[in-house]
């Protein structure tokens, strides 16, 4: 369903690599920069 609606697709595992394409789509005037952010932002315990 996401595929059917999306204008572009990228892997979250390669988020920084995809960032120029992401910004070109959502905020073309934004100057490219980088953030130091752990990938396990929303980790949850096994239930």
ModelCIF file with pLDDT and N, C-alpha, C, O atoms, coordinates in Angstrom:
data_MODEL
#
_entry.id   MODEL 
#
_entity.id                         1 
_entity.type                       polymer 
_entity.pdbx_number_of_molecules   1 
#
_entity_poly.entity_id                      1 
_entity_poly.type                           'polypeptide(L)' 
_entity_poly.nstd_linkage                   no 
_entity_poly.nstd_monomer                   no 
_entity_poly.pdbx_seq_one_letter_code       
;(UNK)(UNK)(UNK)(UNK)(UNK)(UNK)(UNK)(UNK)(UNK)(UNK)(UNK)(UNK)(UNK)(UNK)(UNK)(UNK)
(UNK)(UNK)(UNK)(UNK)(UNK)(UNK)(UNK)(UNK)(UNK)(UNK)(UNK)(UNK)(UNK)(UNK)(UNK)(UNK)
(UNK)(UNK)(UNK)(UNK)(UNK)(UNK)(UNK)(UNK)(UNK)(UNK)(UNK)(UNK)(UNK)(UNK)(UNK)
;
_entity_poly.pdbx_seq_one_letter_code_can   XXXXXXXXXXXXXXXXXXXXXXXXXXXXXXXXXXXXXXXXXXXXXXX 
_entity_poly.pdbx_strand_id                 A 
#
loop_
_entity_poly_seq.entity_id 
_entity_poly_seq.num 
_entity_poly_seq.mon_id 
_entity_poly_seq.hetero 
1 1  UNK n 
1 2  UNK n 
1 3  UNK n 
1 4  UNK n 
1 5  UNK n 
1 6  UNK n 
1 7  UNK n 
1 8  UNK n 
1 9  UNK n 
1 10 UNK n 
1 11 UNK n 
1 12 UNK n 
1 13 UNK n 
1 14 UNK n 
1 15 UNK n 
1 16 UNK n 
1 17 UNK n 
1 18 UNK n 
1 19 UNK n 
1 20 UNK n 
1 21 UNK n 
1 22 UNK n 
1 23 UNK n 
1 24 UNK n 
1 25 UNK n 
1 26 UNK n 
1 27 UNK n 
1 28 UNK n 
1 29 UNK n 
1 30 UNK n 
1 31 UNK n 
1 32 UNK n 
1 33 UNK n 
1 34 UNK n 
1 35 UNK n 
1 36 UNK n 
1 37 UNK n 
1 38 UNK n 
1 39 UNK n 
1 40 UNK n 
1 41 UNK n 
1 42 UNK n 
1 43 UNK n 
1 44 UNK n 
1 45 UNK n 
1 46 UNK n 
1 47 UNK n 
#
_struct_asym.id          A 
_struct_asym.entity_id   1 
#
loop_
_ma_qa_metric.id 
_ma_qa_metric.mode 
_ma_qa_metric.name 
_ma_qa_metric.software_group_id 
_ma_qa_metric.type 
1 global pLDDT . pLDDT 
2 local  pLDDT . pLDDT 
#
_ma_qa_metric_global.metric_id      1 
_ma_qa_metric_global.metric_value   89.02 
_ma_qa_metric_global.model_id       1 
_ma_qa_metric_global.ordinal_id     1 
#
loop_
_ma_qa_metric_local.label_asym_id 
_ma_qa_metric_local.label_comp_id 
_ma_qa_metric_local.label_seq_id 
_ma_qa_metric_local.metric_id 
_ma_qa_metric_local.metric_value 
_ma_qa_metric_local.model_id 
_ma_qa_metric_local.ordinal_id 
A UNK 1  2 98.00 1 1  
A UNK 2  2 98.00 1 2  
A UNK 3  2 96.00 1 3  
A UNK 4  2 96.00 1 4  
A UNK 5  2 96.00 1 5  
A UNK 6  2 96.00 1 6  
A UNK 7  2 95.00 1 7  
A UNK 8  2 96.00 1 8  
A UNK 9  2 98.00 1 9  
A UNK 10 2 98.00 1 10 
A UNK 11 2 98.00 1 11 
A UNK 12 2 97.00 1 12 
A UNK 13 2 96.00 1 13 
A UNK 14 2 96.00 1 14 
A UNK 15 2 96.00 1 15 
A UNK 16 2 95.00 1 16 
A UNK 17 2 96.00 1 17 
A UNK 18 2 97.00 1 18 
A UNK 19 2 96.00 1 19 
A UNK 20 2 95.00 1 20 
A UNK 21 2 96.00 1 21 
A UNK 22 2 96.00 1 22 
A UNK 23 2 96.00 1 23 
A UNK 24 2 94.00 1 24 
A UNK 25 2 94.00 1 25 
A UNK 26 2 93.00 1 26 
A UNK 27 2 87.00 1 27 
A UNK 28 2 87.00 1 28 
A UNK 29 2 84.00 1 29 
A UNK 30 2 84.00 1 30 
A UNK 31 2 83.00 1 31 
A UNK 32 2 84.00 1 32 
A UNK 33 2 86.00 1 33 
A UNK 34 2 83.00 1 34 
A UNK 35 2 84.00 1 35 
A UNK 36 2 82.00 1 36 
A UNK 37 2 80.00 1 37 
A UNK 38 2 78.00 1 38 
A UNK 39 2 74.00 1 39 
A UNK 40 2 75.00 1 40 
A UNK 41 2 74.00 1 41 
A UNK 42 2 74.00 1 42 
A UNK 43 2 74.00 1 43 
A UNK 44 2 78.00 1 44 
A UNK 45 2 77.00 1 45 
A UNK 46 2 78.00 1 46 
A UNK 47 2 80.00 1 47 
#
loop_
_atom_site.group_PDB 
_atom_site.id 
_atom_site.type_symbol 
_atom_site.label_atom_id 
_atom_site.label_alt_id 
_atom_site.label_comp_id 
_atom_site.label_asym_id 
_atom_site.label_entity_id 
_atom_site.label_seq_id 
_atom_site.pdbx_PDB_ins_code 
_atom_site.Cartn_x 
_atom_site.Cartn_y 
_atom_site.Cartn_z 
_atom_site.occupancy 
_atom_site.B_iso_or_equiv 
_atom_site.pdbx_formal_charge 
_atom_site.auth_seq_id 
_atom_site.auth_comp_id 
_atom_site.auth_asym_id 
_atom_site.auth_atom_id 
_atom_site.pdbx_PDB_model_num 
ATOM 1   N N  . UNK A 1 1  ? 0.835  -1.209  0.000  1.00 98.00 ? 1  UNK A N  1 
ATOM 2   C CA . UNK A 1 1  ? 0.000  0.000   0.000  1.00 98.00 ? 1  UNK A CA 1 
ATOM 3   C C  . UNK A 1 1  ? 0.870  1.260   0.000  1.00 98.00 ? 1  UNK A C  1 
ATOM 4   O O  . UNK A 1 1  ? 0.535  2.245   -0.657 1.00 98.00 ? 1  UNK A O  1 
ATOM 5   N N  . UNK A 1 2  ? 1.981  1.228   0.733  1.00 98.00 ? 2  UNK A N  1 
ATOM 6   C CA . UNK A 1 2  ? 2.902  2.368   0.727  1.00 98.00 ? 2  UNK A CA 1 
ATOM 7   C C  . UNK A 1 2  ? 3.462  2.591   -0.681 1.00 98.00 ? 2  UNK A C  1 
ATOM 8   O O  . UNK A 1 2  ? 3.513  3.719   -1.170 1.00 98.00 ? 2  UNK A O  1 
ATOM 9   N N  . UNK A 1 3  ? 3.877  1.501   -1.318 1.00 96.00 ? 3  UNK A N  1 
ATOM 10  C CA . UNK A 1 3  ? 4.426  1.595   -2.679 1.00 96.00 ? 3  UNK A CA 1 
ATOM 11  C C  . UNK A 1 3  ? 3.456  2.276   -3.629 1.00 96.00 ? 3  UNK A C  1 
ATOM 12  O O  . UNK A 1 3  ? 3.850  3.105   -4.450 1.00 96.00 ? 3  UNK A O  1 
ATOM 13  N N  . UNK A 1 4  ? 2.189  1.919   -3.510 1.00 96.00 ? 4  UNK A N  1 
ATOM 14  C CA . UNK A 1 4  ? 1.182  2.440   -4.432 1.00 96.00 ? 4  UNK A CA 1 
ATOM 15  C C  . UNK A 1 4  ? 0.998  3.946   -4.298 1.00 96.00 ? 4  UNK A C  1 
ATOM 16  O O  . UNK A 1 4  ? 0.528  4.592   -5.235 1.00 96.00 ? 4  UNK A O  1 
ATOM 17  N N  . UNK A 1 5  ? 1.360  4.515   -3.152 1.00 96.00 ? 5  UNK A N  1 
ATOM 18  C CA . UNK A 1 5  ? 1.128  5.942   -2.913 1.00 96.00 ? 5  UNK A CA 1 
ATOM 19  C C  . UNK A 1 5  ? 2.392  6.788   -2.980 1.00 96.00 ? 5  UNK A C  1 
ATOM 20  O O  . UNK A 1 5  ? 2.309  8.005   -3.147 1.00 96.00 ? 5  UNK A O  1 
ATOM 21  N N  . UNK A 1 6  ? 3.561  6.164   -2.852 1.00 96.00 ? 6  UNK A N  1 
ATOM 22  C CA . UNK A 1 6  ? 4.796  6.927   -2.645 1.00 96.00 ? 6  UNK A CA 1 
ATOM 23  C C  . UNK A 1 6  ? 5.384  7.492   -3.926 1.00 96.00 ? 6  UNK A C  1 
ATOM 24  O O  . UNK A 1 6  ? 5.254  6.909   -5.002 1.00 96.00 ? 6  UNK A O  1 
ATOM 25  N N  . UNK A 1 7  ? 6.037  8.647   -3.785 1.00 95.00 ? 7  UNK A N  1 
ATOM 26  C CA . UNK A 1 7  ? 6.763  9.265   -4.884 1.00 95.00 ? 7  UNK A CA 1 
ATOM 27  C C  . UNK A 1 7  ? 8.213  8.794   -4.920 1.00 95.00 ? 7  UNK A C  1 
ATOM 28  O O  . UNK A 1 7  ? 8.847  8.812   -5.975 1.00 95.00 ? 7  UNK A O  1 
ATOM 29  N N  . UNK A 1 8  ? 8.732  8.378   -3.785 1.00 96.00 ? 8  UNK A N  1 
ATOM 30  C CA . UNK A 1 8  ? 10.086 7.844   -3.726 1.00 96.00 ? 8  UNK A CA 1 
ATOM 31  C C  . UNK A 1 8  ? 10.180 6.855   -2.578 1.00 96.00 ? 8  UNK A C  1 
ATOM 32  O O  . UNK A 1 8  ? 9.362  6.869   -1.659 1.00 96.00 ? 8  UNK A O  1 
ATOM 33  N N  . UNK A 1 9  ? 11.201 5.984   -2.645 1.00 98.00 ? 9  UNK A N  1 
ATOM 34  C CA . UNK A 1 9  ? 11.399 4.963   -1.611 1.00 98.00 ? 9  UNK A CA 1 
ATOM 35  C C  . UNK A 1 9  ? 12.877 4.906   -1.238 1.00 98.00 ? 9  UNK A C  1 
ATOM 36  O O  . UNK A 1 9  ? 13.746 5.124   -2.081 1.00 98.00 ? 9  UNK A O  1 
ATOM 37  N N  . UNK A 1 10 ? 13.152 4.612   0.017  1.00 98.00 ? 10 UNK A N  1 
ATOM 38  C CA . UNK A 1 10 ? 14.530 4.475   0.482  1.00 98.00 ? 10 UNK A CA 1 
ATOM 39  C C  . UNK A 1 10 ? 14.554 3.535   1.682  1.00 98.00 ? 10 UNK A C  1 
ATOM 40  O O  . UNK A 1 10 ? 13.523 3.290   2.309  1.00 98.00 ? 10 UNK A O  1 
ATOM 41  N N  . UNK A 1 11 ? 15.733 3.013   1.994  1.00 98.00 ? 11 UNK A N  1 
ATOM 42  C CA . UNK A 1 11 ? 15.928 2.148   3.155  1.00 98.00 ? 11 UNK A CA 1 
ATOM 43  C C  . UNK A 1 11 ? 16.289 2.986   4.380  1.00 98.00 ? 11 UNK A C  1 
ATOM 44  O O  . UNK A 1 11 ? 17.128 3.883   4.294  1.00 98.00 ? 11 UNK A O  1 
ATOM 45  N N  . UNK A 1 12 ? 15.663 2.699   5.509  1.00 97.00 ? 12 UNK A N  1 
ATOM 46  C CA . UNK A 1 12 ? 16.034 3.421   6.732  1.00 97.00 ? 12 UNK A CA 1 
ATOM 47  C C  . UNK A 1 12 ? 17.466 3.072   7.139  1.00 97.00 ? 12 UNK A C  1 
ATOM 48  O O  . UNK A 1 12 ? 18.144 3.878   7.776  1.00 97.00 ? 12 UNK A O  1 
ATOM 49  N N  . UNK A 1 13 ? 17.931 1.865   6.771  1.00 96.00 ? 13 UNK A N  1 
ATOM 50  C CA . UNK A 1 13 ? 19.309 1.480   7.094  1.00 96.00 ? 13 UNK A CA 1 
ATOM 51  C C  . UNK A 1 13 ? 20.318 2.369   6.376  1.00 96.00 ? 13 UNK A C  1 
ATOM 52  O O  . UNK A 1 13 ? 21.471 2.467   6.796  1.00 96.00 ? 13 UNK A O  1 
ATOM 53  N N  . UNK A 1 14 ? 19.889 3.016   5.297  1.00 96.00 ? 14 UNK A N  1 
ATOM 54  C CA . UNK A 1 14 ? 20.761 3.919   4.541  1.00 96.00 ? 14 UNK A CA 1 
ATOM 55  C C  . UNK A 1 14 ? 20.183 5.333   4.554  1.00 96.00 ? 14 UNK A C  1 
ATOM 56  O O  . UNK A 1 14 ? 20.219 6.037   3.545  1.00 96.00 ? 14 UNK A O  1 
ATOM 57  N N  . UNK A 1 15 ? 19.657 5.736   5.692  1.00 96.00 ? 15 UNK A N  1 
ATOM 58  C CA . UNK A 1 15 ? 18.948 7.016   5.781  1.00 96.00 ? 15 UNK A CA 1 
ATOM 59  C C  . UNK A 1 15 ? 19.844 8.190   5.396  1.00 96.00 ? 15 UNK A C  1 
ATOM 60  O O  . UNK A 1 15 ? 19.432 9.058   4.626  1.00 96.00 ? 15 UNK A O  1 
ATOM 61  N N  . UNK A 1 16 ? 21.062 8.223   5.924  1.00 95.00 ? 16 UNK A N  1 
ATOM 62  C CA . UNK A 1 16 ? 21.942 9.360   5.631  1.00 95.00 ? 16 UNK A CA 1 
ATOM 63  C C  . UNK A 1 16 ? 22.325 9.393   4.155  1.00 95.00 ? 16 UNK A C  1 
ATOM 64  O O  . UNK A 1 16 ? 22.460 10.468  3.571  1.00 95.00 ? 16 UNK A O  1 
ATOM 65  N N  . UNK A 1 17 ? 22.501 8.221   3.551  1.00 96.00 ? 17 UNK A N  1 
ATOM 66  C CA . UNK A 1 17 ? 22.810 8.176   2.122  1.00 96.00 ? 17 UNK A CA 1 
ATOM 67  C C  . UNK A 1 17 ? 21.639 8.718   1.298  1.00 96.00 ? 17 UNK A C  1 
ATOM 68  O O  . UNK A 1 17 ? 21.827 9.386   0.281  1.00 96.00 ? 17 UNK A O  1 
ATOM 69  N N  . UNK A 1 18 ? 20.425 8.411   1.766  1.00 97.00 ? 18 UNK A N  1 
ATOM 70  C CA . UNK A 1 18 ? 19.223 8.850   1.053  1.00 97.00 ? 18 UNK A CA 1 
ATOM 71  C C  . UNK A 1 18 ? 18.834 10.286  1.370  1.00 97.00 ? 18 UNK A C  1 
ATOM 72  O O  . UNK A 1 18 ? 17.947 10.842  0.722  1.00 97.00 ? 18 UNK A O  1 
ATOM 73  N N  . UNK A 1 19 ? 19.481 10.890  2.353  1.00 96.00 ? 19 UNK A N  1 
ATOM 74  C CA . UNK A 1 19 ? 19.058 12.210  2.820  1.00 96.00 ? 19 UNK A CA 1 
ATOM 75  C C  . UNK A 1 19 ? 19.014 13.272  1.722  1.00 96.00 ? 19 UNK A C  1 
ATOM 76  O O  . UNK A 1 19 ? 18.056 14.044  1.692  1.00 96.00 ? 19 UNK A O  1 
ATOM 77  N N  . UNK A 1 20 ? 20.002 13.358  0.809  1.00 95.00 ? 20 UNK A N  1 
ATOM 78  C CA . UNK A 1 20 ? 19.882 14.368  -0.264 1.00 95.00 ? 20 UNK A CA 1 
ATOM 79  C C  . UNK A 1 20 ? 18.614 14.185  -1.090 1.00 95.00 ? 20 UNK A C  1 
ATOM 80  O O  . UNK A 1 20 ? 17.966 15.171  -1.442 1.00 95.00 ? 20 UNK A O  1 
ATOM 81  N N  . UNK A 1 21 ? 18.242 12.933  -1.409 1.00 96.00 ? 21 UNK A N  1 
ATOM 82  C CA . UNK A 1 21 ? 17.012 12.695  -2.169 1.00 96.00 ? 21 UNK A CA 1 
ATOM 83  C C  . UNK A 1 21 ? 15.777 13.041  -1.351 1.00 96.00 ? 21 UNK A C  1 
ATOM 84  O O  . UNK A 1 21 ? 14.803 13.581  -1.876 1.00 96.00 ? 21 UNK A O  1 
ATOM 85  N N  . UNK A 1 22 ? 15.826 12.723  -0.049 1.00 96.00 ? 22 UNK A N  1 
ATOM 86  C CA . UNK A 1 22 ? 14.691 13.030  0.828  1.00 96.00 ? 22 UNK A CA 1 
ATOM 87  C C  . UNK A 1 22 ? 14.457 14.530  0.884  1.00 96.00 ? 22 UNK A C  1 
ATOM 88  O O  . UNK A 1 22 ? 13.330 14.996  0.719  1.00 96.00 ? 22 UNK A O  1 
ATOM 89  N N  . UNK A 1 23 ? 15.518 15.280  1.116  1.00 96.00 ? 23 UNK A N  1 
ATOM 90  C CA . UNK A 1 23 ? 15.386 16.734  1.213  1.00 96.00 ? 23 UNK A CA 1 
ATOM 91  C C  . UNK A 1 23 ? 14.979 17.345  -0.119 1.00 96.00 ? 23 UNK A C  1 
ATOM 92  O O  . UNK A 1 23 ? 14.225 18.317  -0.143 1.00 96.00 ? 23 UNK A O  1 
ATOM 93  N N  . UNK A 1 24 ? 15.460 16.798  -1.221 1.00 94.00 ? 24 UNK A N  1 
ATOM 94  C CA . UNK A 1 24 ? 15.066 17.312  -2.527 1.00 94.00 ? 24 UNK A CA 1 
ATOM 95  C C  . UNK A 1 24 ? 13.569 17.153  -2.755 1.00 94.00 ? 24 UNK A C  1 
ATOM 96  O O  . UNK A 1 24 ? 12.963 17.919  -3.503 1.00 94.00 ? 24 UNK A O  1 
ATOM 97  N N  . UNK A 1 25 ? 12.978 16.155  -2.108 1.00 94.00 ? 25 UNK A N  1 
ATOM 98  C CA . UNK A 1 25 ? 11.546 15.908  -2.254 1.00 94.00 ? 25 UNK A CA 1 
ATOM 99  C C  . UNK A 1 25 ? 10.715 16.737  -1.293 1.00 94.00 ? 25 UNK A C  1 
ATOM 100 O O  . UNK A 1 25 ? 9.684  17.286  -1.680 1.00 94.00 ? 25 UNK A O  1 
ATOM 101 N N  . UNK A 1 26 ? 11.159 16.838  -0.021 1.00 93.00 ? 26 UNK A N  1 
ATOM 102 C CA . UNK A 1 26 ? 10.303 17.443  1.002  1.00 93.00 ? 26 UNK A CA 1 
ATOM 103 C C  . UNK A 1 26 ? 10.685 18.880  1.361  1.00 93.00 ? 26 UNK A C  1 
ATOM 104 O O  . UNK A 1 26 ? 9.831  19.650  1.797  1.00 93.00 ? 26 UNK A O  1 
ATOM 105 N N  . UNK A 1 27 ? 11.948 19.248  1.186  1.00 87.00 ? 27 UNK A N  1 
ATOM 106 C CA . UNK A 1 27 ? 12.387 20.595  1.581  1.00 87.00 ? 27 UNK A CA 1 
ATOM 107 C C  . UNK A 1 27 ? 13.596 20.999  0.749  1.00 87.00 ? 27 UNK A C  1 
ATOM 108 O O  . UNK A 1 27 ? 14.713 21.042  1.265  1.00 87.00 ? 27 UNK A O  1 
ATOM 109 N N  . UNK A 1 28 ? 13.388 21.301  -0.548 1.00 87.00 ? 28 UNK A N  1 
ATOM 110 C CA . UNK A 1 28 ? 14.517 21.575  -1.455 1.00 87.00 ? 28 UNK A CA 1 
ATOM 111 C C  . UNK A 1 28 ? 15.414 22.717  -1.019 1.00 87.00 ? 28 UNK A C  1 
ATOM 112 O O  . UNK A 1 28 ? 16.596 22.733  -1.363 1.00 87.00 ? 28 UNK A O  1 
ATOM 113 N N  . UNK A 1 29 ? 14.880 23.677  -0.266 1.00 84.00 ? 29 UNK A N  1 
ATOM 114 C CA . UNK A 1 29 ? 15.688 24.843  0.116  1.00 84.00 ? 29 UNK A CA 1 
ATOM 115 C C  . UNK A 1 29 ? 16.520 24.603  1.367  1.00 84.00 ? 29 UNK A C  1 
ATOM 116 O O  . UNK A 1 29 ? 17.304 25.467  1.761  1.00 84.00 ? 29 UNK A O  1 
ATOM 117 N N  . UNK A 1 30 ? 16.362 23.437  2.001  1.00 84.00 ? 30 UNK A N  1 
ATOM 118 C CA . UNK A 1 30 ? 17.096 23.141  3.231  1.00 84.00 ? 30 UNK A CA 1 
ATOM 119 C C  . UNK A 1 30 ? 18.545 22.794  2.920  1.00 84.00 ? 30 UNK A C  1 
ATOM 120 O O  . UNK A 1 30 ? 18.818 21.977  2.041  1.00 84.00 ? 30 UNK A O  1 
ATOM 121 N N  . UNK A 1 31 ? 19.465 23.410  3.635  1.00 83.00 ? 31 UNK A N  1 
ATOM 122 C CA . UNK A 1 31 ? 20.883 23.114  3.447  1.00 83.00 ? 31 UNK A CA 1 
ATOM 123 C C  . UNK A 1 31 ? 21.199 21.762  4.086  1.00 83.00 ? 31 UNK A C  1 
ATOM 124 O O  . UNK A 1 31 ? 20.829 21.517  5.234  1.00 83.00 ? 31 UNK A O  1 
ATOM 125 N N  . UNK A 1 32 ? 21.865 20.905  3.365  1.00 84.00 ? 32 UNK A N  1 
ATOM 126 C CA . UNK A 1 32 ? 22.147 19.552  3.839  1.00 84.00 ? 32 UNK A CA 1 
ATOM 127 C C  . UNK A 1 32 ? 23.066 19.588  5.056  1.00 84.00 ? 32 UNK A C  1 
ATOM 128 O O  . UNK A 1 32 ? 24.102 20.254  5.044  1.00 84.00 ? 32 UNK A O  1 
ATOM 129 N N  . UNK A 1 33 ? 22.680 18.872  6.096  1.00 86.00 ? 33 UNK A N  1 
ATOM 130 C CA . UNK A 1 33 ? 23.507 18.745  7.292  1.00 86.00 ? 33 UNK A CA 1 
ATOM 131 C C  . UNK A 1 33 ? 23.269 17.359  7.876  1.00 86.00 ? 33 UNK A C  1 
ATOM 132 O O  . UNK A 1 33 ? 22.491 16.572  7.336  1.00 86.00 ? 33 UNK A O  1 
ATOM 133 N N  . UNK A 1 34 ? 23.951 17.067  8.996  1.00 83.00 ? 34 UNK A N  1 
ATOM 134 C CA . UNK A 1 34 ? 23.882 15.725  9.564  1.00 83.00 ? 34 UNK A CA 1 
ATOM 135 C C  . UNK A 1 34 ? 23.591 15.800  11.049 1.00 83.00 ? 34 UNK A C  1 
ATOM 136 O O  . UNK A 1 34 ? 23.927 16.783  11.709 1.00 83.00 ? 34 UNK A O  1 
ATOM 137 N N  . UNK A 1 35 ? 22.962 14.755  11.574 1.00 84.00 ? 35 UNK A N  1 
ATOM 138 C CA . UNK A 1 35 ? 22.627 14.690  12.994 1.00 84.00 ? 35 UNK A CA 1 
ATOM 139 C C  . UNK A 1 35 ? 23.238 13.448  13.612 1.00 84.00 ? 35 UNK A C  1 
ATOM 140 O O  . UNK A 1 35 ? 23.330 12.402  12.969 1.00 84.00 ? 35 UNK A O  1 
ATOM 141 N N  . UNK A 1 36 ? 23.649 13.570  14.849 1.00 82.00 ? 36 UNK A N  1 
ATOM 142 C CA . UNK A 1 36 ? 24.174 12.422  15.591 1.00 82.00 ? 36 UNK A CA 1 
ATOM 143 C C  . UNK A 1 36 ? 23.027 11.831  16.396 1.00 82.00 ? 36 UNK A C  1 
ATOM 144 O O  . UNK A 1 36 ? 22.691 12.325  17.472 1.00 82.00 ? 36 UNK A O  1 
ATOM 145 N N  . UNK A 1 37 ? 22.433 10.772  15.869 1.00 80.00 ? 37 UNK A N  1 
ATOM 146 C CA . UNK A 1 37 ? 21.232 10.207  16.482 1.00 80.00 ? 37 UNK A CA 1 
ATOM 147 C C  . UNK A 1 37 ? 21.312 8.694   16.431 1.00 80.00 ? 37 UNK A C  1 
ATOM 148 O O  . UNK A 1 37 ? 21.520 8.127   15.358 1.00 80.00 ? 37 UNK A O  1 
ATOM 149 N N  . UNK A 1 38 ? 21.149 8.015   17.581 1.00 78.00 ? 38 UNK A N  1 
ATOM 150 C CA . UNK A 1 38 ? 21.191 6.548   17.573 1.00 78.00 ? 38 UNK A CA 1 
ATOM 151 C C  . UNK A 1 38 ? 20.022 5.971   16.788 1.00 78.00 ? 38 UNK A C  1 
ATOM 152 O O  . UNK A 1 38 ? 18.919 6.517   16.806 1.00 78.00 ? 38 UNK A O  1 
ATOM 153 N N  . UNK A 1 39 ? 20.273 4.860   16.098 1.00 74.00 ? 39 UNK A N  1 
ATOM 154 C CA . UNK A 1 39 ? 19.237 4.250   15.262 1.00 74.00 ? 39 UNK A CA 1 
ATOM 155 C C  . UNK A 1 39 ? 18.158 3.554   16.080 1.00 74.00 ? 39 UNK A C  1 
ATOM 156 O O  . UNK A 1 39 ? 17.060 3.321   15.575 1.00 74.00 ? 39 UNK A O  1 
ATOM 157 N N  . UNK A 1 40 ? 18.451 3.215   17.340 1.00 75.00 ? 40 UNK A N  1 
ATOM 158 C CA . UNK A 1 40 ? 17.463 2.504   18.174 1.00 75.00 ? 40 UNK A CA 1 
ATOM 159 C C  . UNK A 1 40 ? 16.625 3.490   18.979 1.00 75.00 ? 40 UNK A C  1 
ATOM 160 O O  . UNK A 1 40 ? 16.431 3.323   20.184 1.00 75.00 ? 40 UNK A O  1 
ATOM 161 N N  . UNK A 1 41 ? 16.131 4.523   18.290 1.00 74.00 ? 41 UNK A N  1 
ATOM 162 C CA . UNK A 1 41 ? 15.368 5.586   18.953 1.00 74.00 ? 41 UNK A CA 1 
ATOM 163 C C  . UNK A 1 41 ? 14.105 5.058   19.624 1.00 74.00 ? 41 UNK A C  1 
ATOM 164 O O  . UNK A 1 41 ? 13.735 5.529   20.700 1.00 74.00 ? 41 UNK A O  1 
ATOM 165 N N  . UNK A 1 42 ? 13.445 4.097   19.010 1.00 74.00 ? 42 UNK A N  1 
ATOM 166 C CA . UNK A 1 42 ? 12.159 3.616   19.512 1.00 74.00 ? 42 UNK A CA 1 
ATOM 167 C C  . UNK A 1 42 ? 12.220 2.117   19.794 1.00 74.00 ? 42 UNK A C  1 
ATOM 168 O O  . UNK A 1 42 ? 11.422 1.348   19.258 1.00 74.00 ? 42 UNK A O  1 
ATOM 169 N N  . UNK A 1 43 ? 13.166 1.705   20.631 1.00 74.00 ? 43 UNK A N  1 
ATOM 170 C CA . UNK A 1 43 ? 13.313 0.287   20.971 1.00 74.00 ? 43 UNK A CA 1 
ATOM 171 C C  . UNK A 1 43 ? 12.275 -0.103  22.016 1.00 74.00 ? 43 UNK A C  1 
ATOM 172 O O  . UNK A 1 43 ? 11.882 0.710   22.852 1.00 74.00 ? 43 UNK A O  1 
ATOM 173 N N  . UNK A 1 44 ? 11.834 -1.367  21.957 1.00 78.00 ? 44 UNK A N  1 
ATOM 174 C CA . UNK A 1 44 ? 10.859 -1.885  22.910 1.00 78.00 ? 44 UNK A CA 1 
ATOM 175 C C  . UNK A 1 44 ? 11.281 -3.263  23.386 1.00 78.00 ? 44 UNK A C  1 
ATOM 176 O O  . UNK A 1 44 ? 11.953 -4.004  22.669 1.00 78.00 ? 44 UNK A O  1 
ATOM 177 N N  . UNK A 1 45 ? 10.884 -3.592  24.589 1.00 77.00 ? 45 UNK A N  1 
ATOM 178 C CA . UNK A 1 45 ? 11.254 -4.882  25.153 1.00 77.00 ? 45 UNK A CA 1 
ATOM 179 C C  . UNK A 1 45 ? 10.406 -6.000  24.560 1.00 77.00 ? 45 UNK A C  1 
ATOM 180 O O  . UNK A 1 45 ? 9.261  -5.786  24.162 1.00 77.00 ? 45 UNK A O  1 
ATOM 181 N N  . UNK A 1 46 ? 10.988 -7.196  24.509 1.00 78.00 ? 46 UNK A N  1 
ATOM 182 C CA . UNK A 1 46 ? 10.261 -8.372  24.050 1.00 78.00 ? 46 UNK A CA 1 
ATOM 183 C C  . UNK A 1 46 ? 9.162  -8.731  25.036 1.00 78.00 ? 46 UNK A C  1 
ATOM 184 O O  . UNK A 1 46 ? 9.389  -8.771  26.246 1.00 78.00 ? 46 UNK A O  1 
ATOM 185 N N  . UNK A 1 47 ? 7.968  -8.992  24.512 1.00 80.00 ? 47 UNK A N  1 
ATOM 186 C CA . UNK A 1 47 ? 6.820  -9.274  25.371 1.00 80.00 ? 47 UNK A CA 1 
ATOM 187 C C  . UNK A 1 47 ? 6.404  -10.743 25.347 1.00 80.00 ? 47 UNK A C  1 
ATOM 188 O O  . UNK A 1 47 ? 5.450  -11.126 26.024 1.00 80.00 ? 47 UNK A O  1 
#
